[in-house]
């Protein structure tokens, strides 16, 4: 069984969030939860929320289709951070000028699926 979750317009830059996502990509869900729980990065909280949503979606899909669901068999198959819309702000500068400030946002996409046994 598989599940996916997308969180849009997270108010953190994609560059910072990709550092955390790179650590959990391809790992088991329980191992990813442990990594995110003890990470000092602020992005870990948003990514953990999205991961929990993807797992819940997979569980609900398994219940609807009357299939077996085992959390220990889930792994992250696809995890990516895309750039969202940039908020443009301006800050006063010397001699009456205005300097631009770009507040970047991110889209978090996570897919989970059952581990394939060979």
N, C-alpha and C. Protein backbone atom coordinates (compact mmCIF):
# COMPACT_ATOMS: atom_id res chain seq x y z
N UNK A 1 0.84 -1.17 0.00
CA UNK A 1 0.00 0.00 0.00
C UNK A 1 0.89 1.23 0.00
N UNK A 2 0.42 2.28 -0.63
CA UNK A 2 1.21 3.51 -0.70
C UNK A 2 0.34 4.70 -0.33
N UNK A 3 1.00 5.76 0.06
CA UNK A 3 0.31 6.99 0.41
C UNK A 3 1.20 8.17 0.09
N UNK A 4 0.58 9.31 -0.07
CA UNK A 4 1.36 10.51 -0.36
C UNK A 4 0.75 11.69 0.36
N UNK A 5 1.57 12.72 0.57
CA UNK A 5 1.10 13.95 1.19
C UNK A 5 1.90 15.12 0.62
N UNK A 6 1.22 16.23 0.46
CA UNK A 6 1.85 17.45 -0.05
C UNK A 6 1.50 18.59 0.90
N UNK A 7 2.51 19.30 1.33
CA UNK A 7 2.29 20.49 2.15
C UNK A 7 2.80 21.68 1.35
N UNK A 8 1.93 22.61 1.10
CA UNK A 8 2.29 23.74 0.25
C UNK A 8 2.54 25.01 1.07
N UNK A 9 3.36 25.86 0.53
CA UNK A 9 3.64 27.19 1.05
C UNK A 9 4.15 27.17 2.49
N UNK A 10 5.15 26.36 2.74
CA UNK A 10 5.82 26.34 4.04
C UNK A 10 6.77 27.54 4.08
N UNK A 11 6.71 28.33 5.13
CA UNK A 11 7.50 29.56 5.18
C UNK A 11 8.94 29.29 5.61
N UNK A 12 9.64 28.52 4.79
CA UNK A 12 11.07 28.33 4.98
C UNK A 12 11.67 28.08 3.60
N UNK A 13 12.91 28.48 3.44
CA UNK A 13 13.51 28.38 2.11
C UNK A 13 13.74 26.92 1.73
N UNK A 14 13.59 26.61 0.45
CA UNK A 14 13.78 25.23 -0.02
C UNK A 14 15.20 24.72 0.23
N UNK A 15 16.16 25.60 0.16
CA UNK A 15 17.55 25.21 0.35
C UNK A 15 17.79 24.64 1.75
N UNK A 16 17.19 25.26 2.75
CA UNK A 16 17.34 24.80 4.13
C UNK A 16 16.55 23.50 4.36
N UNK A 17 15.40 23.39 3.73
CA UNK A 17 14.57 22.20 3.93
C UNK A 17 15.16 20.98 3.23
N UNK A 18 15.84 21.18 2.12
CA UNK A 18 16.43 20.06 1.40
C UNK A 18 17.52 19.37 2.21
N UNK A 19 18.18 20.11 3.10
CA UNK A 19 19.20 19.51 3.95
C UNK A 19 18.60 18.42 4.83
N UNK A 20 17.38 18.62 5.30
CA UNK A 20 16.73 17.65 6.18
C UNK A 20 16.14 16.50 5.36
N UNK A 21 15.52 16.81 4.24
CA UNK A 21 14.89 15.77 3.42
C UNK A 21 15.92 14.80 2.86
N UNK A 22 17.10 15.29 2.56
CA UNK A 22 18.15 14.41 2.04
C UNK A 22 18.56 13.34 3.05
N UNK A 23 18.38 13.62 4.34
CA UNK A 23 18.74 12.65 5.38
C UNK A 23 17.75 11.50 5.48
N UNK A 24 16.48 11.72 5.12
CA UNK A 24 15.46 10.69 5.32
C UNK A 24 15.04 9.98 4.04
N UNK A 25 15.45 10.48 2.90
CA UNK A 25 15.01 9.89 1.63
C UNK A 25 15.46 8.44 1.53
N UNK A 26 14.51 7.52 1.26
CA UNK A 26 14.80 6.11 1.09
C UNK A 26 14.85 5.30 2.38
N UNK A 27 14.66 5.94 3.52
CA UNK A 27 14.73 5.25 4.81
C UNK A 27 13.37 4.68 5.20
N UNK A 28 13.38 3.79 6.19
CA UNK A 28 12.13 3.30 6.75
C UNK A 28 11.44 4.44 7.50
N UNK A 29 10.13 4.34 7.62
CA UNK A 29 9.36 5.41 8.24
C UNK A 29 9.74 5.59 9.71
N UNK A 30 9.90 4.48 10.45
CA UNK A 30 10.27 4.60 11.87
C UNK A 30 11.64 5.23 12.05
N UNK A 31 12.57 4.90 11.17
CA UNK A 31 13.90 5.49 11.24
C UNK A 31 13.84 6.98 10.89
N UNK A 32 13.00 7.33 9.93
CA UNK A 32 12.83 8.73 9.54
C UNK A 32 12.22 9.54 10.69
N UNK A 33 11.24 8.94 11.39
CA UNK A 33 10.66 9.63 12.56
C UNK A 33 11.73 9.94 13.60
N UNK A 34 12.62 8.99 13.84
CA UNK A 34 13.69 9.19 14.84
C UNK A 34 14.65 10.28 14.39
N UNK A 35 15.01 10.28 13.12
CA UNK A 35 15.93 11.31 12.60
C UNK A 35 15.29 12.69 12.73
N UNK A 36 14.03 12.81 12.36
CA UNK A 36 13.35 14.10 12.40
C UNK A 36 13.11 14.58 13.83
N UNK A 37 12.85 13.66 14.73
CA UNK A 37 12.59 14.04 16.11
C UNK A 37 13.81 14.68 16.77
N UNK A 38 15.00 14.15 16.47
CA UNK A 38 16.21 14.64 17.12
C UNK A 38 16.99 15.63 16.28
N UNK A 39 16.44 16.05 15.16
CA UNK A 39 17.10 17.04 14.33
C UNK A 39 16.92 18.43 14.94
N UNK A 40 17.95 19.23 14.86
CA UNK A 40 17.89 20.59 15.41
C UNK A 40 17.32 21.59 14.41
N UNK A 41 17.15 21.16 13.19
CA UNK A 41 16.65 22.06 12.13
C UNK A 41 15.16 22.32 12.32
N UNK A 42 14.76 23.55 12.09
CA UNK A 42 13.35 23.93 12.18
C UNK A 42 12.52 23.24 11.11
N UNK A 43 13.12 22.95 9.98
CA UNK A 43 12.42 22.30 8.87
C UNK A 43 11.97 20.89 9.23
N UNK A 44 12.61 20.27 10.19
CA UNK A 44 12.28 18.89 10.56
C UNK A 44 10.84 18.78 11.06
N UNK A 45 10.33 19.80 11.73
CA UNK A 45 8.96 19.75 12.24
C UNK A 45 7.95 19.74 11.10
N UNK A 46 8.16 20.57 10.09
CA UNK A 46 7.23 20.62 8.96
C UNK A 46 7.29 19.34 8.14
N UNK A 47 8.49 18.81 7.97
CA UNK A 47 8.65 17.57 7.20
C UNK A 47 8.02 16.41 7.96
N UNK A 48 8.15 16.39 9.28
CA UNK A 48 7.55 15.33 10.08
C UNK A 48 6.03 15.37 9.99
N UNK A 49 5.45 16.55 9.99
CA UNK A 49 4.01 16.67 9.84
C UNK A 49 3.54 16.10 8.50
N UNK A 50 4.29 16.39 7.45
CA UNK A 50 3.94 15.88 6.12
C UNK A 50 4.11 14.37 6.06
N UNK A 51 5.16 13.85 6.69
CA UNK A 51 5.40 12.41 6.71
C UNK A 51 4.27 11.69 7.46
N UNK A 52 3.86 12.24 8.59
CA UNK A 52 2.76 11.64 9.35
C UNK A 52 1.47 11.63 8.52
N UNK A 53 1.25 12.67 7.77
CA UNK A 53 0.07 12.74 6.92
C UNK A 53 0.13 11.68 5.82
N UNK A 54 1.30 11.48 5.22
CA UNK A 54 1.45 10.47 4.17
C UNK A 54 1.21 9.07 4.73
N UNK A 55 1.70 8.81 5.94
CA UNK A 55 1.48 7.50 6.57
C UNK A 55 0.00 7.30 6.88
N UNK A 56 -0.66 8.33 7.37
CA UNK A 56 -2.09 8.24 7.66
C UNK A 56 -2.90 8.02 6.38
N UNK A 57 -2.50 8.66 5.29
CA UNK A 57 -3.18 8.46 4.01
C UNK A 57 -3.00 7.03 3.52
N UNK A 58 -1.82 6.47 3.71
CA UNK A 58 -1.57 5.08 3.30
C UNK A 58 -2.41 4.13 4.15
N UNK A 59 -2.52 4.43 5.43
CA UNK A 59 -3.31 3.58 6.32
C UNK A 59 -4.80 3.62 5.94
N UNK A 60 -5.31 4.80 5.64
CA UNK A 60 -6.71 4.92 5.25
C UNK A 60 -6.99 4.22 3.92
N UNK A 61 -6.04 4.30 2.99
CA UNK A 61 -6.20 3.62 1.71
C UNK A 61 -6.20 2.11 1.89
N UNK A 62 -5.39 1.61 2.82
CA UNK A 62 -5.36 0.18 3.11
C UNK A 62 -6.67 -0.27 3.74
N UNK A 63 -7.23 0.54 4.62
CA UNK A 63 -8.52 0.20 5.24
C UNK A 63 -9.65 0.18 4.21
N UNK A 64 -9.63 1.13 3.28
CA UNK A 64 -10.67 1.18 2.26
C UNK A 64 -10.62 -0.04 1.34
N UNK A 65 -9.41 -0.52 1.06
CA UNK A 65 -9.25 -1.65 0.13
C UNK A 65 -9.16 -2.99 0.85
N UNK A 66 -9.37 -3.00 2.16
CA UNK A 66 -9.29 -4.23 2.97
C UNK A 66 -7.95 -4.95 2.78
N UNK A 67 -6.87 -4.20 2.82
CA UNK A 67 -5.53 -4.76 2.70
C UNK A 67 -4.82 -4.67 4.04
N UNK A 68 -3.80 -5.49 4.19
CA UNK A 68 -3.01 -5.47 5.43
C UNK A 68 -2.13 -4.22 5.45
N UNK A 69 -2.01 -3.65 6.65
CA UNK A 69 -1.18 -2.46 6.80
C UNK A 69 -0.22 -2.68 7.96
N UNK A 70 1.06 -2.52 7.69
CA UNK A 70 2.08 -2.67 8.72
C UNK A 70 3.01 -1.46 8.66
N UNK A 71 3.01 -0.67 9.70
CA UNK A 71 3.82 0.54 9.73
C UNK A 71 5.31 0.23 9.60
N UNK A 72 5.73 -0.91 10.14
CA UNK A 72 7.15 -1.27 10.10
C UNK A 72 7.63 -1.60 8.69
N UNK A 73 6.72 -1.89 7.77
CA UNK A 73 7.09 -2.23 6.40
C UNK A 73 7.10 -1.02 5.47
N UNK A 74 6.69 0.14 5.97
CA UNK A 74 6.65 1.35 5.13
C UNK A 74 8.03 1.97 5.01
N UNK A 75 8.30 2.49 3.82
CA UNK A 75 9.53 3.25 3.61
C UNK A 75 9.22 4.46 2.74
N UNK A 76 10.08 5.44 2.81
CA UNK A 76 9.90 6.67 2.03
C UNK A 76 10.45 6.41 0.63
N UNK A 77 9.57 6.44 -0.36
CA UNK A 77 10.00 6.16 -1.73
C UNK A 77 10.32 7.43 -2.49
N UNK A 78 9.70 8.54 -2.11
CA UNK A 78 9.89 9.79 -2.85
C UNK A 78 9.74 10.93 -1.86
N UNK A 79 10.73 11.76 -1.77
CA UNK A 79 10.67 12.94 -0.90
C UNK A 79 11.42 14.07 -1.58
N UNK A 80 10.72 15.16 -1.82
CA UNK A 80 11.33 16.27 -2.54
C UNK A 80 10.78 17.58 -1.99
N UNK A 81 11.61 18.61 -2.08
CA UNK A 81 11.22 19.96 -1.70
C UNK A 81 11.27 20.82 -2.96
N UNK A 82 10.14 21.41 -3.30
CA UNK A 82 10.07 22.29 -4.45
C UNK A 82 9.94 23.73 -3.98
N UNK A 83 10.38 24.65 -4.81
CA UNK A 83 10.27 26.07 -4.47
C UNK A 83 8.83 26.53 -4.63
N UNK A 84 8.36 27.28 -3.67
CA UNK A 84 7.02 27.84 -3.73
C UNK A 84 7.09 29.29 -4.17
N UNK A 85 6.00 29.98 -3.98
CA UNK A 85 5.93 31.38 -4.36
C UNK A 85 6.81 32.21 -3.42
N UNK A 86 7.52 33.16 -3.97
CA UNK A 86 8.39 34.03 -3.19
C UNK A 86 7.64 35.30 -2.82
N UNK A 87 7.69 35.65 -1.53
CA UNK A 87 7.08 36.89 -1.07
C UNK A 87 8.11 38.01 -1.20
N UNK A 88 7.75 39.07 -1.87
CA UNK A 88 8.68 40.18 -2.09
C UNK A 88 8.36 41.30 -1.10
N UNK A 89 9.36 41.69 -0.33
CA UNK A 89 9.24 42.78 0.62
C UNK A 89 10.39 43.75 0.39
N UNK A 90 10.27 44.96 0.92
CA UNK A 90 11.32 45.95 0.77
C UNK A 90 11.68 46.54 2.12
N UNK A 91 12.97 46.81 2.28
CA UNK A 91 13.49 47.35 3.53
C UNK A 91 14.14 48.70 3.22
N UNK A 92 13.92 49.68 4.07
CA UNK A 92 14.56 50.98 3.83
C UNK A 92 16.09 50.87 3.91
N UNK A 93 16.75 51.61 3.05
CA UNK A 93 18.22 51.61 3.02
C UNK A 93 18.71 53.05 3.05
N UNK A 94 20.01 53.19 2.97
CA UNK A 94 20.62 54.51 3.06
C UNK A 94 20.23 55.38 1.86
N UNK A 95 20.20 56.68 2.08
CA UNK A 95 19.96 57.69 1.07
C UNK A 95 18.62 57.51 0.36
N UNK A 96 17.61 57.10 1.11
CA UNK A 96 16.26 57.02 0.57
C UNK A 96 16.00 55.83 -0.35
N UNK A 97 16.93 54.91 -0.42
CA UNK A 97 16.74 53.74 -1.28
C UNK A 97 15.93 52.67 -0.55
N UNK A 98 15.50 51.68 -1.33
CA UNK A 98 14.82 50.51 -0.77
C UNK A 98 15.53 49.27 -1.29
N UNK A 99 15.86 48.36 -0.38
CA UNK A 99 16.51 47.12 -0.81
C UNK A 99 15.49 45.99 -0.75
N UNK A 100 15.49 45.13 -1.75
CA UNK A 100 14.50 44.05 -1.77
C UNK A 100 14.85 42.93 -0.81
N UNK A 101 13.81 42.33 -0.25
CA UNK A 101 13.96 41.15 0.60
C UNK A 101 13.05 40.08 -0.01
N UNK A 102 13.61 38.91 -0.25
CA UNK A 102 12.83 37.81 -0.81
C UNK A 102 12.59 36.78 0.28
N UNK A 103 11.33 36.57 0.63
CA UNK A 103 10.96 35.58 1.63
C UNK A 103 10.47 34.35 0.88
N UNK A 104 11.29 33.32 0.88
CA UNK A 104 11.01 32.15 0.07
C UNK A 104 10.10 31.16 0.79
N UNK A 105 9.32 30.44 0.00
CA UNK A 105 8.45 29.40 0.54
C UNK A 105 8.76 28.08 -0.16
N UNK A 106 8.25 26.99 0.40
CA UNK A 106 8.55 25.65 -0.11
C UNK A 106 7.29 24.81 -0.20
N UNK A 107 7.35 23.81 -1.07
CA UNK A 107 6.33 22.78 -1.15
C UNK A 107 7.00 21.45 -0.81
N UNK A 108 6.45 20.72 0.16
CA UNK A 108 7.00 19.44 0.59
C UNK A 108 6.14 18.32 -0.01
N UNK A 109 6.78 17.38 -0.70
CA UNK A 109 6.07 16.24 -1.30
C UNK A 109 6.73 14.97 -0.78
N UNK A 110 5.93 14.09 -0.16
CA UNK A 110 6.45 12.82 0.39
C UNK A 110 5.52 11.69 -0.03
N UNK A 111 6.12 10.62 -0.57
CA UNK A 111 5.39 9.40 -0.90
C UNK A 111 5.97 8.27 -0.05
N UNK A 112 5.10 7.44 0.49
CA UNK A 112 5.52 6.26 1.23
C UNK A 112 4.89 5.03 0.58
N UNK A 113 5.57 3.90 0.67
CA UNK A 113 5.04 2.65 0.12
C UNK A 113 5.59 1.48 0.93
N UNK A 114 4.95 0.34 0.79
CA UNK A 114 5.42 -0.86 1.45
C UNK A 114 6.76 -1.29 0.86
N UNK A 115 7.64 -1.79 1.71
CA UNK A 115 8.94 -2.25 1.26
C UNK A 115 8.75 -3.48 0.38
N UNK A 116 9.42 -3.49 -0.74
CA UNK A 116 9.32 -4.63 -1.65
C UNK A 116 10.22 -5.74 -1.17
N UNK A 117 9.66 -6.94 -1.00
CA UNK A 117 10.45 -8.09 -0.58
C UNK A 117 10.75 -8.96 -1.79
N UNK A 118 12.00 -9.32 -1.91
CA UNK A 118 12.41 -10.13 -3.08
C UNK A 118 12.52 -11.58 -2.69
